[in-house]
Full PDB file with SEQRES, HELIX, SHEET, SSBOND, CRYST1, ORIGX, SCALE, CONECT and MASTER records, all heavy atoms in Angstrom:
SEQRES   1 A   38  LEU ILE ASP TYR TRP LEU ILE SER PHE GLY ASP GLU GLU          
SEQRES   2 A   38  SER GLY SER VAL GLU VAL LEU ASN ILE TYR TYR ARG HIS          
SEQRES   3 A   38  GLN ASP GLU SER LEU PRO LEU ILE GLU ARG LEU ILE              
HELIX    1 AA1 GLN A   27  LEU A   37  1                                  11    
SHEET    1 AA1 2 ILE A   2  ASP A  11  0                                        
SHEET    2 AA1 2 GLY A  15  TYR A  24 -1                                        
CRYST1    1.000    1.000    1.000  90.00  90.00  90.00 P 1           1          
ORIGX1      1.000000  0.000000  0.000000        0.00000                         
ORIGX2      0.000000  1.000000  0.000000        0.00000                         
ORIGX3      0.000000  0.000000  1.000000        0.00000                         
SCALE1      1.000000  0.000000  0.000000        0.00000                         
SCALE2      0.000000  1.000000  0.000000        0.00000                         
SCALE3      0.000000  0.000000  1.000000        0.00000                         
ATOM      1  N   LEU A   1      29.703   1.675  68.650  1.00  0.00           N  
ATOM      2  CA  LEU A   1      30.385   0.781  67.712  1.00  0.00           C  
ATOM      3  C   LEU A   1      30.797   1.499  66.444  1.00  0.00           C  
ATOM      4  O   LEU A   1      31.898   1.314  65.937  1.00  0.00           O  
ATOM      5  CB  LEU A   1      29.491  -0.410  67.353  1.00  0.00           C  
ATOM      6  CG  LEU A   1      29.364  -1.491  68.405  1.00  0.00           C  
ATOM      7  CD1 LEU A   1      28.398  -2.573  67.937  1.00  0.00           C  
ATOM      8  CD2 LEU A   1      30.718  -2.088  68.724  1.00  0.00           C  
ATOM      9  N   ILE A   2      29.874   2.341  65.902  1.00  0.00           N  
ATOM     10  CA  ILE A   2      30.217   3.112  64.703  1.00  0.00           C  
ATOM     11  C   ILE A   2      29.633   4.518  64.813  1.00  0.00           C  
ATOM     12  O   ILE A   2      28.671   4.753  65.538  1.00  0.00           O  
ATOM     13  CB  ILE A   2      29.735   2.441  63.388  1.00  0.00           C  
ATOM     14  CG1 ILE A   2      28.215   2.408  63.296  1.00  0.00           C  
ATOM     15  CG2 ILE A   2      30.336   1.074  63.210  1.00  0.00           C  
ATOM     16  CD1 ILE A   2      27.701   1.974  61.929  1.00  0.00           C  
ATOM     17  N   ASP A   3      30.239   5.406  64.081  1.00  0.00           N  
ATOM     18  CA  ASP A   3      29.747   6.770  63.929  1.00  0.00           C  
ATOM     19  C   ASP A   3      29.933   7.098  62.461  1.00  0.00           C  
ATOM     20  O   ASP A   3      30.941   6.705  61.864  1.00  0.00           O  
ATOM     21  CB  ASP A   3      30.550   7.720  64.812  1.00  0.00           C  
ATOM     22  CG  ASP A   3      29.973   9.117  64.862  1.00  0.00           C  
ATOM     23  OD1 ASP A   3      28.799   9.290  64.470  1.00  0.00           O  
ATOM     24  OD2 ASP A   3      30.691  10.042  65.291  1.00  0.00           O  
ATOM     25  N   TYR A   4      28.987   7.787  61.835  1.00  0.00           N  
ATOM     26  CA  TYR A   4      29.110   8.059  60.403  1.00  0.00           C  
ATOM     27  C   TYR A   4      28.417   9.360  60.034  1.00  0.00           C  
ATOM     28  O   TYR A   4      27.548   9.844  60.750  1.00  0.00           O  
ATOM     29  CB  TYR A   4      28.546   6.904  59.572  1.00  0.00           C  
ATOM     30  CG  TYR A   4      27.069   6.687  59.760  1.00  0.00           C  
ATOM     31  CD1 TYR A   4      26.154   7.301  58.913  1.00  0.00           C  
ATOM     32  CD2 TYR A   4      26.577   5.890  60.778  1.00  0.00           C  
ATOM     33  CE1 TYR A   4      24.794   7.118  59.076  1.00  0.00           C  
ATOM     34  CE2 TYR A   4      25.225   5.693  60.953  1.00  0.00           C  
ATOM     35  CZ  TYR A   4      24.336   6.306  60.099  1.00  0.00           C  
ATOM     36  OH  TYR A   4      22.987   6.119  60.272  1.00  0.00           O  
ATOM     37  N   TRP A   5      28.840   9.921  58.903  1.00  0.00           N  
ATOM     38  CA  TRP A   5      28.218  11.119  58.349  1.00  0.00           C  
ATOM     39  C   TRP A   5      28.610  11.233  56.884  1.00  0.00           C  
ATOM     40  O   TRP A   5      29.555  10.597  56.426  1.00  0.00           O  
ATOM     41  CB  TRP A   5      28.618  12.372  59.126  1.00  0.00           C  
ATOM     42  CG  TRP A   5      30.074  12.679  59.088  1.00  0.00           C  
ATOM     43  CD1 TRP A   5      30.715  13.486  58.195  1.00  0.00           C  
ATOM     44  CD2 TRP A   5      31.087  12.182  59.946  1.00  0.00           C  
ATOM     45  NE1 TRP A   5      32.058  13.520  58.445  1.00  0.00           N  
ATOM     46  CE2 TRP A   5      32.315  12.721  59.528  1.00  0.00           C  
ATOM     47  CE3 TRP A   5      31.082  11.318  61.043  1.00  0.00           C  
ATOM     48  CZ2 TRP A   5      33.515  12.432  60.157  1.00  0.00           C  
ATOM     49  CZ3 TRP A   5      32.281  11.040  61.660  1.00  0.00           C  
ATOM     50  CH2 TRP A   5      33.473  11.593  61.231  1.00  0.00           C  
ATOM     51  N   LEU A   6      27.848  12.044  56.152  1.00  0.00           N  
ATOM     52  CA  LEU A   6      28.105  12.299  54.730  1.00  0.00           C  
ATOM     53  C   LEU A   6      28.652  13.704  54.538  1.00  0.00           C  
ATOM     54  O   LEU A   6      28.207  14.643  55.199  1.00  0.00           O  
ATOM     55  CB  LEU A   6      26.806  12.190  53.921  1.00  0.00           C  
ATOM     56  CG  LEU A   6      26.214  10.814  53.747  1.00  0.00           C  
ATOM     57  CD1 LEU A   6      24.847  10.919  53.084  1.00  0.00           C  
ATOM     58  CD2 LEU A   6      27.123   9.937  52.916  1.00  0.00           C  
ATOM     59  N   ILE A   7      29.599  13.837  53.620  1.00  0.00           N  
ATOM     60  CA  ILE A   7      30.079  15.147  53.196  1.00  0.00           C  
ATOM     61  C   ILE A   7      30.275  15.101  51.683  1.00  0.00           C  
ATOM     62  O   ILE A   7      30.390  14.020  51.099  1.00  0.00           O  
ATOM     63  CB  ILE A   7      31.384  15.570  53.898  1.00  0.00           C  
ATOM     64  CG1 ILE A   7      32.500  14.560  53.632  1.00  0.00           C  
ATOM     65  CG2 ILE A   7      31.185  15.777  55.370  1.00  0.00           C  
ATOM     66  CD1 ILE A   7      33.851  15.011  54.143  1.00  0.00           C  
ATOM     67  N   SER A   8      30.299  16.258  51.052  1.00  0.00           N  
ATOM     68  CA  SER A   8      30.548  16.346  49.613  1.00  0.00           C  
ATOM     69  C   SER A   8      31.769  17.214  49.360  1.00  0.00           C  
ATOM     70  O   SER A   8      31.952  18.234  50.019  1.00  0.00           O  
ATOM     71  CB  SER A   8      29.348  16.943  48.882  1.00  0.00           C  
ATOM     72  OG  SER A   8      28.277  16.041  48.891  1.00  0.00           O  
ATOM     73  N   PHE A   9      32.586  16.790  48.398  1.00  0.00           N  
ATOM     74  CA  PHE A   9      33.739  17.559  47.956  1.00  0.00           C  
ATOM     75  C   PHE A   9      33.507  17.977  46.523  1.00  0.00           C  
ATOM     76  O   PHE A   9      32.967  17.216  45.728  1.00  0.00           O  
ATOM     77  CB  PHE A   9      35.024  16.719  48.014  1.00  0.00           C  
ATOM     78  CG  PHE A   9      35.509  16.454  49.401  1.00  0.00           C  
ATOM     79  CD1 PHE A   9      35.358  15.205  49.969  1.00  0.00           C  
ATOM     80  CD2 PHE A   9      36.133  17.449  50.127  1.00  0.00           C  
ATOM     81  CE1 PHE A   9      35.814  14.947  51.244  1.00  0.00           C  
ATOM     82  CE2 PHE A   9      36.594  17.198  51.405  1.00  0.00           C  
ATOM     83  CZ  PHE A   9      36.441  15.943  51.966  1.00  0.00           C  
ATOM     84  N   GLY A  10      33.949  19.167  46.178  1.00  0.00           N  
ATOM     85  CA  GLY A  10      33.837  19.636  44.806  1.00  0.00           C  
ATOM     86  C   GLY A  10      32.659  20.576  44.632  1.00  0.00           C  
ATOM     87  O   GLY A  10      32.036  21.017  45.585  1.00  0.00           O  
ATOM     88  N   ASP A  11      32.345  20.847  43.352  1.00  0.00           N  
ATOM     89  CA  ASP A  11      31.229  21.736  43.033  1.00  0.00           C  
ATOM     90  C   ASP A  11      30.574  21.276  41.731  1.00  0.00           C  
ATOM     91  O   ASP A  11      31.026  20.338  41.091  1.00  0.00           O  
ATOM     92  CB  ASP A  11      31.700  23.187  42.930  1.00  0.00           C  
ATOM     93  CG  ASP A  11      32.823  23.372  41.924  1.00  0.00           C  
ATOM     94  OD1 ASP A  11      32.830  22.695  40.878  1.00  0.00           O  
ATOM     95  OD2 ASP A  11      33.702  24.204  42.180  1.00  0.00           O  
ATOM     96  N   GLU A  12      29.510  21.969  41.345  1.00  0.00           N  
ATOM     97  CA  GLU A  12      28.767  21.581  40.146  1.00  0.00           C  
ATOM     98  C   GLU A  12      29.614  21.689  38.885  1.00  0.00           C  
ATOM     99  O   GLU A  12      29.490  20.884  37.981  1.00  0.00           O  
ATOM    100  CB  GLU A  12      27.508  22.445  40.008  1.00  0.00           C  
ATOM    101  CG  GLU A  12      26.450  22.130  41.030  1.00  0.00           C  
ATOM    102  CD  GLU A  12      25.200  22.962  40.826  1.00  0.00           C  
ATOM    103  OE1 GLU A  12      24.966  23.418  39.693  1.00  0.00           O  
ATOM    104  OE2 GLU A  12      24.458  23.143  41.796  1.00  0.00           O  
ATOM    105  N   GLU A  13      30.480  22.674  38.836  1.00  0.00           N  
ATOM    106  CA  GLU A  13      31.281  22.899  37.637  1.00  0.00           C  
ATOM    107  C   GLU A  13      32.339  21.806  37.433  1.00  0.00           C  
ATOM    108  O   GLU A  13      32.476  21.261  36.343  1.00  0.00           O  
ATOM    109  CB  GLU A  13      31.962  24.267  37.717  1.00  0.00           C  
ATOM    110  CG  GLU A  13      32.704  24.647  36.463  1.00  0.00           C  
ATOM    111  CD  GLU A  13      33.269  26.046  36.555  1.00  0.00           C  
ATOM    112  OE1 GLU A  13      32.477  26.977  36.794  1.00  0.00           O  
ATOM    113  OE2 GLU A  13      34.485  26.184  36.403  1.00  0.00           O  
ATOM    114  N   SER A  14      33.062  21.484  38.484  1.00  0.00           N  
ATOM    115  CA  SER A  14      34.134  20.491  38.352  1.00  0.00           C  
ATOM    116  C   SER A  14      33.679  19.086  38.725  1.00  0.00           C  
ATOM    117  O   SER A  14      34.403  18.128  38.531  1.00  0.00           O  
ATOM    118  CB  SER A  14      35.328  20.894  39.223  1.00  0.00           C  
ATOM    119  OG  SER A  14      34.958  20.892  40.587  1.00  0.00           O  
ATOM    120  N   GLY A  15      32.479  18.990  39.260  1.00  0.00           N  
ATOM    121  CA  GLY A  15      31.969  17.695  39.714  1.00  0.00           C  
ATOM    122  C   GLY A  15      32.203  17.538  41.204  1.00  0.00           C  
ATOM    123  O   GLY A  15      33.102  18.144  41.775  1.00  0.00           O  
ATOM    124  N   SER A  16      31.378  16.759  41.817  1.00  0.00           N  
ATOM    125  CA  SER A  16      31.524  16.551  43.248  1.00  0.00           C  
ATOM    126  C   SER A  16      31.484  15.063  43.565  1.00  0.00           C  
ATOM    127  O   SER A  16      30.978  14.258  42.788  1.00  0.00           O  
ATOM    128  CB  SER A  16      30.428  17.286  44.029  1.00  0.00           C  
ATOM    129  OG  SER A  16      29.165  16.750  43.730  1.00  0.00           O  
ATOM    130  N   VAL A  17      32.043  14.730  44.706  1.00  0.00           N  
ATOM    131  CA  VAL A  17      32.080  13.364  45.200  1.00  0.00           C  
ATOM    132  C   VAL A  17      31.435  13.355  46.575  1.00  0.00           C  
ATOM    133  O   VAL A  17      31.774  14.164  47.434  1.00  0.00           O  
ATOM    134  CB  VAL A  17      33.528  12.834  45.294  1.00  0.00           C  
ATOM    135  CG1 VAL A  17      33.564  11.461  45.934  1.00  0.00           C  
ATOM    136  CG2 VAL A  17      34.175  12.815  43.923  1.00  0.00           C  
ATOM    137  N   GLU A  18      30.483  12.458  46.766  1.00  0.00           N  
ATOM    138  CA  GLU A  18      29.845  12.285  48.069  1.00  0.00           C  
ATOM    139  C   GLU A  18      30.654  11.253  48.850  1.00  0.00           C  
ATOM    140  O   GLU A  18      30.930  10.168  48.345  1.00  0.00           O  
ATOM    141  CB  GLU A  18      28.404  11.817  47.889  1.00  0.00           C  
ATOM    142  CG  GLU A  18      27.637  11.719  49.179  1.00  0.00           C  
ATOM    143  CD  GLU A  18      26.199  11.285  48.950  1.00  0.00           C  
ATOM    144  OE1 GLU A  18      25.986  10.270  48.261  1.00  0.00           O  
ATOM    145  OE2 GLU A  18      25.315  11.954  49.473  1.00  0.00           O  
ATOM    146  N   VAL A  19      31.046  11.612  50.078  1.00  0.00           N  
ATOM    147  CA  VAL A  19      31.891  10.746  50.888  1.00  0.00           C  
ATOM    148  C   VAL A  19      31.135  10.308  52.135  1.00  0.00           C  
ATOM    149  O   VAL A  19      30.618  11.141  52.876  1.00  0.00           O  
ATOM    150  CB  VAL A  19      33.199  11.457  51.302  1.00  0.00           C  
ATOM    151  CG1 VAL A  19      34.070  10.522  52.137  1.00  0.00           C  
ATOM    152  CG2 VAL A  19      33.941  11.954  50.080  1.00  0.00           C  
ATOM    153  N   LEU A  20      31.086   8.999  52.343  1.00  0.00           N  
ATOM    154  CA  LEU A  20      30.528   8.423  53.560  1.00  0.00           C  
ATOM    155  C   LEU A  20      31.696   8.151  54.505  1.00  0.00           C  
ATOM    156  O   LEU A  20      32.542   7.300  54.221  1.00  0.00           O  
ATOM    157  CB  LEU A  20      29.774   7.122  53.248  1.00  0.00           C  
ATOM    158  CG  LEU A  20      29.239   6.338  54.439  1.00  0.00           C  
ATOM    159  CD1 LEU A  20      28.237   7.154  55.252  1.00  0.00           C  
ATOM    160  CD2 LEU A  20      28.615   5.033  53.971  1.00  0.00           C  
ATOM    161  N   ASN A  21      31.785   8.917  55.584  1.00  0.00           N  
ATOM    162  CA  ASN A  21      32.823   8.734  56.604  1.00  0.00           C  
ATOM    163  C   ASN A  21      32.303   7.798  57.673  1.00  0.00           C  
ATOM    164  O   ASN A  21      31.223   8.043  58.234  1.00  0.00           O  
ATOM    165  CB  ASN A  21      33.174  10.071  57.260  1.00  0.00           C  
ATOM    166  CG  ASN A  21      33.936  10.971  56.340  1.00  0.00           C  
ATOM    167  OD1 ASN A  21      35.117  10.764  56.132  1.00  0.00           O  
ATOM    168  ND2 ASN A  21      33.255  11.951  55.774  1.00  0.00           N  
ATOM    169  N   ILE A  22      33.051   6.758  57.964  1.00  0.00           N  
ATOM    170  CA  ILE A  22      32.659   5.798  58.993  1.00  0.00           C  
ATOM    171  C   ILE A  22      33.820   5.621  59.967  1.00  0.00           C  
ATOM    172  O   ILE A  22      34.930   5.287  59.571  1.00  0.00           O  
ATOM    173  CB  ILE A  22      32.306   4.421  58.391  1.00  0.00           C  
ATOM    174  CG1 ILE A  22      31.196   4.547  57.360  1.00  0.00           C  
ATOM    175  CG2 ILE A  22      31.912   3.442  59.499  1.00  0.00           C  
ATOM    176  CD1 ILE A  22      30.928   3.261  56.583  1.00  0.00           C  
ATOM    177  N   TYR A  23      33.556   5.878  61.239  1.00  0.00           N  
ATOM    178  CA  TYR A  23      34.508   5.592  62.304  1.00  0.00           C  
ATOM    179  C   TYR A  23      33.977   4.389  63.059  1.00  0.00           C  
ATOM    180  O   TYR A  23      32.793   4.333  63.391  1.00  0.00           O  
ATOM    181  CB  TYR A  23      34.621   6.784  63.257  1.00  0.00           C  
ATOM    182  CG  TYR A  23      35.502   7.882  62.734  1.00  0.00           C  
ATOM    183  CD1 TYR A  23      35.106   8.677  61.671  1.00  0.00           C  
ATOM    184  CD2 TYR A  23      36.743   8.114  63.310  1.00  0.00           C  
ATOM    185  CE1 TYR A  23      35.925   9.680  61.180  1.00  0.00           C  
ATOM    186  CE2 TYR A  23      37.570   9.125  62.829  1.00  0.00           C  
ATOM    187  CZ  TYR A  23      37.150   9.895  61.766  1.00  0.00           C  
ATOM    188  OH  TYR A  23      37.964  10.883  61.292  1.00  0.00           O  
ATOM    189  N   TYR A  24      34.837   3.421  63.338  1.00  0.00           N  
ATOM    190  CA  TYR A  24      34.395   2.236  64.066  1.00  0.00           C  
ATOM    191  C   TYR A  24      35.359   1.911  65.194  1.00  0.00           C  
ATOM    192  O   TYR A  24      36.532   2.267  65.160  1.00  0.00           O  
ATOM    193  CB  TYR A  24      34.222   1.047  63.128  1.00  0.00           C  
ATOM    194  CG  TYR A  24      35.501   0.547  62.497  1.00  0.00           C  
ATOM    195  CD1 TYR A  24      36.202  -0.503  63.065  1.00  0.00           C  
ATOM    196  CD2 TYR A  24      36.008   1.124  61.350  1.00  0.00           C  
ATOM    197  CE1 TYR A  24      37.376  -0.959  62.497  1.00  0.00           C  
ATOM    198  CE2 TYR A  24      37.176   0.670  60.772  1.00  0.00           C  
ATOM    199  CZ  TYR A  24      37.854  -0.368  61.351  1.00  0.00           C  
ATOM    200  OH  TYR A  24      39.021  -0.809  60.784  1.00  0.00           O  
ATOM    201  N   ARG A  25      34.839   1.196  66.191  1.00  0.00           N  
ATOM    202  CA  ARG A  25      35.623   0.893  67.383  1.00  0.00           C  
ATOM    203  C   ARG A  25      36.087  -0.553  67.405  1.00  0.00           C  
ATOM    204  O   ARG A  25      37.239  -0.817  67.713  1.00  0.00           O  
ATOM    205  CB  ARG A  25      34.792   1.198  68.623  1.00  0.00           C  
ATOM    206  CG  ARG A  25      35.524   0.963  69.922  1.00  0.00           C  
ATOM    207  CD  ARG A  25      34.675   1.384  71.076  1.00  0.00           C  
ATOM    208  NE  ARG A  25      33.420   0.666  71.062  1.00  0.00           N  
ATOM    209  CZ  ARG A  25      32.762   0.282  72.128  1.00  0.00           C  
ATOM    210  NH1 ARG A  25      33.231   0.569  73.312  1.00  0.00           N  
ATOM    211  NH2 ARG A  25      31.634  -0.351  72.036  1.00  0.00           N  
ATOM    212  N   HIS A  26      35.207  -1.523  67.136  1.00  0.00           N  
ATOM    213  CA  HIS A  26      35.547  -2.951  67.157  1.00  0.00           C  
ATOM    214  C   HIS A  26      35.266  -3.538  65.789  1.00  0.00           C  
ATOM    215  O   HIS A  26      34.121  -3.545  65.344  1.00  0.00           O  
ATOM    216  CB  HIS A  26      34.706  -3.709  68.190  1.00  0.00           C  
ATOM    217  CG  HIS A  26      35.069  -3.405  69.600  1.00  0.00           C  
ATOM    218  ND1 HIS A  26      36.210  -3.896  70.187  1.00  0.00           N  
ATOM    219  CD2 HIS A  26      34.464  -2.648  70.532  1.00  0.00           C  
ATOM    220  CE1 HIS A  26      36.271  -3.464  71.431  1.00  0.00           C  
ATOM    221  NE2 HIS A  26      35.223  -2.693  71.656  1.00  0.00           N  
ATOM    222  N   GLN A  27      36.302  -4.046  65.136  1.00  0.00           N  
ATOM    223  CA  GLN A  27      36.138  -4.547  63.778  1.00  0.00           C  
ATOM    224  C   GLN A  27      35.101  -5.661  63.691  1.00  0.00           C  
ATOM    225  O   GLN A  27      34.178  -5.592  62.886  1.00  0.00           O  
ATOM    226  CB  GLN A  27      37.470  -5.053  63.234  1.00  0.00           C  
ATOM    227  CG  GLN A  27      37.357  -5.575  61.817  1.00  0.00           C  
ATOM    228  CD  GLN A  27      38.695  -5.976  61.261  1.00  0.00           C  
ATOM    229  OE1 GLN A  27      39.727  -5.482  61.689  1.00  0.00           O  
ATOM    230  NE2 GLN A  27      38.690  -6.866  60.320  1.00  0.00           N  
ATOM    231  N   ASP A  28      35.225  -6.688  64.502  1.00  0.00           N  
ATOM    232  CA  ASP A  28      34.315  -7.835  64.400  1.00  0.00           C  
ATOM    233  C   ASP A  28      32.876  -7.462  64.726  1.00  0.00           C  
ATOM    234  O   ASP A  28      31.947  -7.892  64.056  1.00  0.00           O  
ATOM    235  CB  ASP A  28      34.781  -8.974  65.305  1.00  0.00           C  
ATOM    236  CG  ASP A  28      36.106  -9.567  64.842  1.00  0.00           C  
ATOM    237  OD1 ASP A  28      36.404  -9.475  63.640  1.00  0.00           O  
ATOM    238  OD2 ASP A  28      36.839 -10.110  65.691  1.00  0.00           O  
ATOM    239  N   GLU A  29      32.678  -6.664  65.760  1.00  0.00           N  
ATOM    240  CA  GLU A  29      31.329  -6.275  66.156  1.00  0.00           C  
ATOM    241  C   GLU A  29      30.728  -5.241  65.209  1.00  0.00           C  
ATOM    242  O   GLU A  29      29.520  -5.224  64.997  1.00  0.00           O  
ATOM    243  CB  GLU A  29      31.340  -5.719  67.578  1.00  0.00           C  
ATOM    244  CG  GLU A  29      31.706  -6.741  68.632  1.00  0.00           C  
ATOM    245  CD  GLU A  29      31.811  -6.119  70.014  1.00  0.00           C  
ATOM    246  OE1 GLU A  29      31.131  -5.099  70.272  1.00  0.00           O  
ATOM    247  OE2 GLU A  29      32.574  -6.645  70.823  1.00  0.00           O  
ATOM    248  N   SER A  30      31.546  -4.388  64.638  1.00  0.00           N  
ATOM    249  CA  SER A  30      31.063  -3.304  63.780  1.00  0.00           C  
ATOM    250  C   SER A  30      30.813  -3.741  62.346  1.00  0.00           C  
ATOM    251  O   SER A  30      30.024  -3.107  61.638  1.00  0.00           O  
ATOM    252  CB  SER A  30      32.072  -2.154  63.763  1.00  0.00           C  
ATOM    253  OG  SER A  30      32.279  -1.651  65.042  1.00  0.00           O  
ATOM    254  N   LEU A  31      31.481  -4.793  61.890  1.00  0.00           N  
ATOM    255  CA  LEU A  31      31.424  -5.170  60.481  1.00  0.00           C  
ATOM    256  C   LEU A  31      30.010  -5.346  59.937  1.00  0.00           C  
ATOM    257  O   LEU A  31      29.694  -4.798  58.875  1.00  0.00           O  
ATOM    258  CB  LEU A  31      32.262  -6.423  60.224  1.00  0.00           C  
ATOM    259  CG  LEU A  31      32.391  -6.832  58.773  1.00  0.00           C  
ATOM    260  CD1 LEU A  31      33.007  -5.717  57.939  1.00  0.00           C  
ATOM    261  CD2 LEU A  31      33.209  -8.105  58.651  1.00  0.00           C  
ATOM    262  N   PRO A  32      29.093  -6.075  60.615  1.00  0.00           N  
ATOM    263  CA  PRO A  32      27.731  -6.193  60.058  1.00  0.00           C  
ATOM    264  C   PRO A  32      27.022  -4.840  59.910  1.00  0.00           C  
ATOM    265  O   PRO A  32      26.317  -4.607  58.922  1.00  0.00           O  
ATOM    266  CB  PRO A  32      26.996  -7.086  61.062  1.00  0.00           C  
ATOM    267  CG  PRO A  32      28.062  -7.800  61.808  1.00  0.00           C  
ATOM    268  CD  PRO A  32      29.248  -6.886  61.821  1.00  0.00           C  
ATOM    269  N   LEU A  33      27.234  -3.936  60.859  1.00  0.00           N  
ATOM    270  CA  LEU A  33      26.616  -2.607  60.778  1.00  0.00           C  
ATOM    271  C   LEU A  33      27.214  -1.801  59.629  1.00  0.00           C  
ATOM    272  O   LEU A  33      26.494  -1.117  58.892  1.00  0.00           O  
ATOM    273  CB  LEU A  33      26.823  -1.851  62.089  1.00  0.00           C  
ATOM    274  CG  LEU A  33      26.191  -2.471  63.332  1.00  0.00           C  
ATOM    275  CD1 LEU A  33      26.671  -1.737  64.575  1.00  0.00           C  
ATOM    276  CD2 LEU A  33      24.683  -2.422  63.230  1.00  0.00           C  
ATOM    277  N   ILE A  34      28.520  -1.896  59.456  1.00  0.00           N  
ATOM    278  CA  ILE A  34      29.195  -1.171  58.375  1.00  0.00           C  
ATOM    279  C   ILE A  34      28.743  -1.696  57.017  1.00  0.00           C  
ATOM    280  O   ILE A  34      28.444  -0.913  56.109  1.00  0.00           O  
ATOM    281  CB  ILE A  34      30.723  -1.276  58.529  1.00  0.00           C  
ATOM    282  CG1 ILE A  34      31.173  -0.508  59.773  1.00  0.00           C  
ATOM    283  CG2 ILE A  34      31.436  -0.767  57.287  1.00  0.00           C  
ATOM    284  CD1 ILE A  34      32.625  -0.733  60.155  1.00  0.00           C  
ATOM    285  N   GLU A  35      28.668  -3.016  56.880  1.00  0.00           N  
ATOM    286  CA  GLU A  35      28.222  -3.603  55.605  1.00  0.00           C  
ATOM    287  C   GLU A  35      26.818  -3.139  55.243  1.00  0.00           C  
ATOM    288  O   GLU A  35      26.557  -2.773  54.098  1.00  0.00           O  
ATOM    289  CB  GLU A  35      28.261  -5.129  55.678  1.00  0.00           C  
ATOM    290  CG  GLU A  35      29.660  -5.695  55.665  1.00  0.00           C  
ATOM    291  CD  GLU A  35      29.676  -7.195  55.860  1.00  0.00           C  
ATOM    292  OE1 GLU A  35      28.712  -7.766  56.443  1.00  0.00           O  
ATOM    293  OE2 GLU A  35      30.666  -7.819  55.438  1.00  0.00           O  
ATOM    294  N   ARG A  36      25.927  -3.144  56.200  1.00  0.00           N  
ATOM    295  CA  ARG A  36      24.544  -2.726  55.942  1.00  0.00           C  
ATOM    296  C   ARG A  36      24.472  -1.243  55.585  1.00  0.00           C  
ATOM    297  O   ARG A  36      23.779  -0.839  54.652  1.00  0.00           O  
ATOM    298  CB  ARG A  36      23.669  -3.009  57.159  1.00  0.00           C  
ATOM    299  CG  ARG A  36      22.257  -2.522  56.979  1.00  0.00           C  
ATOM    300  CD  ARG A  36      21.483  -2.669  58.235  1.00  0.00           C  
ATOM    301  NE  ARG A  36      20.320  -3.478  57.960  1.00  0.00           N  
ATOM    302  CZ  ARG A  36      19.512  -3.930  58.878  1.00  0.00           C  
ATOM    303  NH1 ARG A  36      19.764  -3.709  60.136  1.00  0.00           N  
ATOM    304  NH2 ARG A  36      18.455  -4.601  58.534  1.00  0.00           N  
ATOM    305  N   LEU A  37      25.212  -0.422  56.324  1.00  0.00           N  
ATOM    306  CA  LEU A  37      25.243   1.015  56.065  1.00  0.00           C  
ATOM    307  C   LEU A  37      25.741   1.298  54.651  1.00  0.00           C  
ATOM    308  O   LEU A  37      25.131   2.066  53.906  1.00  0.00           O  
ATOM    309  CB  LEU A  37      26.134   1.704  57.094  1.00  0.00           C  
ATOM    310  CG  LEU A  37      26.334   3.199  56.942  1.00  0.00           C  
ATOM    311  CD1 LEU A  37      25.015   3.935  57.126  1.00  0.00           C  
ATOM    312  CD2 LEU A  37      27.366   3.681  57.948  1.00  0.00           C  
ATOM    313  N   ILE A  38      26.817   0.661  54.247  1.00  0.00           N  
ATOM    314  CA  ILE A  38      27.376   0.874  52.909  1.00  0.00           C  
ATOM    315  C   ILE A  38      26.415   0.384  51.836  1.00  0.00           C  
ATOM    316  O   ILE A  38      26.167   1.080  50.851  1.00  0.00           O  
ATOM    317  CB  ILE A  38      28.746   0.186  52.776  1.00  0.00           C  
ATOM    318  CG1 ILE A  38      29.774   0.908  53.659  1.00  0.00           C  
ATOM    319  CG2 ILE A  38      29.207   0.162  51.316  1.00  0.00           C  
ATOM    320  CD1 ILE A  38      31.104   0.190  53.776  1.00  0.00           C  
TER     321      ILE A  38                                                      
MASTER        0    0    0    1    2    0    0    6  320    1    0    3          
END                                                                             
């Protein structure tokens, strides 16, 4: 239903952003899992 992972962009000097990537297959079935994960 979903697949997810974290990555970071940037560095200590310029600042970094942590990104939660979420891939989902079925919107209605995946939504509760996505909401909880976020």
